[in-house]
Each structure stands twice: as C-alpha cells, then as structure tokens.
C-alpha cells in the first residue's frame, strides 16, 4: 500500500471541484490515474477516513476530502469515523 497515492487522491479531491465530482460520478475511471490497490480503493469507496489516517495519510487531507465529497453537514459523521474504537 502506498500512502503517497492515497494522499495524492485525497489532495486532488480536496482542491478540485471537478475531481470531486468525478470521484462521485466516475470513481473507477478516476482511479486509473492513481494506481491504488484494491484495499486502498475500498477505503475510498466506503469513506473509511480512519483507515486512511491509520495507514499514514495526513488528517487534514482526509478532512478536506470529506468536506468535498460529503459536505460540511456531515462533519459529525467524519468525527465519529475518526474516533472509531476497535474492540
């Protein structure tokens, strides 16, 4: 797994509305550019921002990504996912 490509996609979605829209409408097509593993792609599909952080991705990138994809009204859900307790 490569945190570099995960962070690149997080960044690109965070700073580009066009990339964020493509993420929502053509996820598989967008992924070709990033060469993610299936596990990494699944983190994005499921919105598993905690797993992204746990693999080493910057938390500011995960938050920016979340804001572009899910919107500011979903920040409570973002915080719940980031605080997820393994048990």
Protein backbone atom coordinates (compact mmCIF):
# COMPACT_ATOMS: atom_id res chain seq x y z
CA UNK A 1 0.00 0.00 0.00
CA UNK A 2 1.25 3.44 -0.89
CA UNK A 3 0.31 6.36 1.30
CA UNK A 4 1.68 8.67 -1.39
CA UNK A 5 -1.01 7.79 -3.93
CA UNK A 6 -3.72 7.83 -1.26
CA UNK A 7 -2.63 11.33 -0.23
CA UNK A 8 -2.45 12.44 -3.86
CA UNK A 9 -6.08 11.43 -4.44
CA UNK A 10 -7.15 12.99 -1.13
CA UNK A 11 -5.43 16.24 -2.13
CA UNK A 12 -6.80 16.29 -5.67
CA UNK A 13 -10.38 15.75 -4.50
CA UNK A 14 -9.92 18.38 -1.78
CA UNK A 15 -8.73 21.16 -4.10
CA UNK A 16 -10.65 20.48 -7.32
CA UNK A 17 -14.43 20.53 -7.61
CA UNK A 18 -14.12 18.80 -10.98
CA UNK A 19 -12.12 15.95 -9.43
CA UNK A 20 -14.57 15.74 -6.51
CA UNK A 21 -17.47 15.48 -8.96
CA UNK A 22 -15.66 12.82 -10.98
CA UNK A 23 -14.98 10.96 -7.73
CA UNK A 24 -18.75 10.85 -7.19
CA UNK A 25 -19.77 10.02 -10.78
CA UNK A 26 -16.87 8.03 -12.28
CA UNK A 27 -14.89 6.61 -9.38
CA UNK A 28 -13.43 3.68 -11.31
CA UNK A 29 -12.39 5.90 -14.21
CA UNK A 30 -10.73 8.35 -11.84
CA UNK A 31 -8.82 5.60 -10.06
CA UNK A 32 -6.89 4.62 -13.18
CA UNK A 33 -4.72 7.72 -12.70
CA UNK A 34 -3.83 6.84 -9.08
CA UNK A 35 -2.88 3.16 -9.32
CA UNK A 36 -4.39 2.28 -5.94
CA UNK A 37 -4.54 -1.24 -4.60
CA UNK A 38 -7.99 -2.77 -4.22
CA UNK A 39 -7.75 -2.26 -0.43
CA UNK A 40 -6.95 1.43 -0.94
CA UNK A 41 -9.78 1.84 -3.44
CA UNK A 42 -12.16 0.23 -0.95
CA UNK A 43 -11.14 2.77 1.71
CA UNK A 44 -12.32 5.50 -0.66
CA UNK A 45 -15.48 3.66 -1.72
CA UNK A 46 -16.53 3.16 1.89
CA UNK A 47 -15.30 6.54 3.15
CA UNK A 48 -13.03 4.88 5.69
CA UNK A 49 -11.09 8.00 6.61
CA UNK A 50 -9.83 6.36 9.81
CA UNK A 51 -8.14 3.58 7.82
CA UNK A 52 -6.56 6.22 5.59
CA UNK A 53 -5.20 8.02 8.64
CA UNK A 54 -4.06 4.76 10.22
CA UNK A 55 -2.03 3.96 7.10
CA UNK A 56 -0.29 7.33 7.45
CA UNK A 57 -2.40 9.78 5.44
CA UNK A 58 -2.48 13.33 6.76
CA UNK A 59 -5.64 14.08 8.76
CA UNK A 60 -6.05 17.50 7.14
CA UNK A 61 -6.18 15.77 3.76
CA UNK A 62 -8.81 13.31 4.96
CA UNK A 63 -10.91 16.16 6.33
CA UNK A 64 -10.64 18.20 3.12
CA UNK A 65 -11.60 15.14 1.11
CA UNK A 66 -14.60 14.51 3.37
CA UNK A 67 -15.78 18.11 3.06
CA UNK A 68 -15.68 17.99 -0.75
CA UNK A 69 -17.34 14.59 -1.05
CA UNK A 70 -19.81 14.62 1.84
CA UNK A 71 -20.11 18.31 2.72
CA UNK A 72 -19.86 20.32 5.94
CA UNK A 73 -23.16 19.00 7.30
CA UNK A 74 -21.55 15.56 7.56
CA UNK A 75 -18.65 16.61 9.79
CA UNK A 76 -20.26 14.88 12.77
CA UNK A 77 -20.06 11.60 10.86
CA UNK A 78 -16.45 12.34 9.93
CA UNK A 79 -15.58 12.83 13.60
CA UNK A 80 -17.36 9.60 14.56
CA UNK A 81 -15.40 7.68 11.96
CA UNK A 82 -12.11 9.22 13.09
CA UNK A 83 -12.82 8.35 16.74
CA UNK A 84 -13.89 4.79 15.92
CA UNK A 85 -12.84 2.47 18.69
CA UNK A 86 -11.70 -1.01 17.76
CA UNK A 87 -13.00 -3.59 20.13
